[in-house]
Amino acid sequence: MAVYCVSYDLNRAGQNYNALYEEIKASSGWCHPLDSTWLISSSETADQLSDRLRKHLDNNDDLLVIKVTRGYAGWLPKNIWEWIDKHV
């Protein structure tokens, strides 16, 4: 399984994006380290994951899906790093 970093800008104020969040949580595994960034463990390709999530976004929203590999760094809580180390 691969881990993908999913980041988005939800550009329409007042929209209900609960369906997007539920779709993300329906993935094999997930971690939510930052407000508009998720890490998703999936057997899908980046294109397949993007297509699945895109159905829950407005046309003016932005979405980025990138495969995560070793060689990462940052400042996050310990439990987030533990999730990353376990899944990547």
Protein backbone atom coordinates (compact mmCIF):
# COMPACT_ATOMS: atom_id res chain seq x y z
CA MET A 1 0.00 0.00 0.00
CA ALA A 2 1.10 3.54 -0.72
CA VAL A 3 0.68 6.64 1.40
CA TYR A 4 -0.49 9.81 -0.32
CA CYS A 5 -0.37 13.36 0.95
CA VAL A 6 -3.71 14.97 0.11
CA SER A 7 -3.94 18.74 0.39
CA TYR A 8 -6.74 21.02 -0.70
CA ASP A 9 -8.07 24.56 -0.77
CA LEU A 10 -11.83 24.68 -0.29
CA ASN A 11 -12.63 27.99 -1.90
CA ARG A 12 -16.36 28.38 -1.46
CA ALA A 13 -17.30 29.77 1.94
CA GLY A 14 -20.24 28.17 3.68
CA GLN A 15 -20.10 24.88 1.78
CA ASN A 16 -20.60 21.60 3.61
CA TYR A 17 -17.60 19.37 2.95
CA ASN A 18 -18.62 16.56 5.32
CA ALA A 19 -18.95 14.17 2.36
CA LEU A 20 -15.30 14.85 1.45
CA TYR A 21 -14.15 14.15 5.00
CA GLU A 22 -16.21 10.95 5.16
CA GLU A 23 -14.79 9.81 1.80
CA ILE A 24 -11.26 10.38 3.11
CA LYS A 25 -12.06 8.44 6.29
CA ALA A 26 -13.39 5.55 4.18
CA SER A 27 -9.81 4.94 2.99
CA SER A 28 -7.79 1.98 4.27
CA GLY A 29 -5.92 4.24 6.67
CA TRP A 30 -5.66 7.96 7.25
CA CYS A 31 -4.01 10.60 9.39
CA HIS A 32 -5.00 14.28 9.60
CA PRO A 33 -1.81 16.18 10.53
CA LEU A 34 -2.78 19.69 9.35
CA ASP A 35 -6.02 21.60 8.72
CA SER A 36 -6.26 20.94 4.99
CA THR A 37 -3.77 18.09 4.71
CA TRP A 38 -4.39 14.38 5.16
CA LEU A 39 -2.15 11.35 4.78
CA ILE A 40 -4.02 8.45 3.23
CA SER A 41 -2.89 4.83 3.07
CA SER A 42 -4.42 3.21 0.01
CA SER A 43 -3.95 0.57 -2.66
CA GLU A 44 -5.27 3.10 -5.20
CA THR A 45 -3.10 5.08 -7.58
CA ALA A 46 -2.81 8.83 -7.10
CA ASP A 47 -5.18 9.31 -10.06
CA GLN A 48 -7.77 6.94 -8.61
CA LEU A 49 -7.66 8.59 -5.19
CA SER A 50 -7.87 12.05 -6.75
CA ASP A 51 -10.89 11.02 -8.84
CA ARG A 52 -12.63 9.54 -5.79
CA LEU A 53 -12.13 12.68 -3.71
CA ARG A 54 -12.81 15.14 -6.53
CA LYS A 55 -16.45 14.03 -6.62
CA HIS A 56 -16.92 15.80 -3.28
CA LEU A 57 -15.34 19.14 -4.23
CA ASP A 58 -16.65 22.20 -6.00
CA ASN A 59 -15.25 23.19 -9.41
CA ASN A 60 -13.39 26.14 -7.90
CA ASP A 61 -11.65 24.04 -5.19
CA ASP A 62 -8.05 22.86 -5.51
CA LEU A 63 -6.73 19.36 -4.79
CA LEU A 64 -3.20 17.92 -4.68
CA VAL A 65 -2.40 14.20 -4.27
CA ILE A 66 1.26 13.18 -3.99
CA LYS A 67 2.80 9.82 -3.06
CA VAL A 68 4.83 10.00 0.16
CA THR A 69 8.25 8.35 0.29
CA ARG A 70 11.01 8.25 2.88
CA GLY A 71 12.99 11.42 3.27
CA TYR A 72 10.42 13.60 5.02
CA ALA A 73 10.82 16.19 7.77
CA GLY A 74 8.73 18.67 9.68
CA TRP A 75 7.33 19.67 13.03
CA LEU A 76 4.32 17.56 14.02
CA PRO A 77 3.04 15.83 17.17
CA LYS A 78 4.66 12.51 18.10
CA ASN A 79 1.55 10.45 17.29
CA ILE A 80 1.54 11.81 13.72
CA TRP A 81 5.19 10.82 13.23
CA GLU A 82 4.43 7.38 14.62
CA TRP A 83 1.63 6.96 12.05
CA ILE A 84 3.93 8.11 9.25
CA ASP A 85 6.78 5.83 10.32
CA LYS A 86 4.39 2.86 10.53
CA HIS A 87 2.77 3.37 7.11
CA VAL A 88 5.47 4.83 4.84
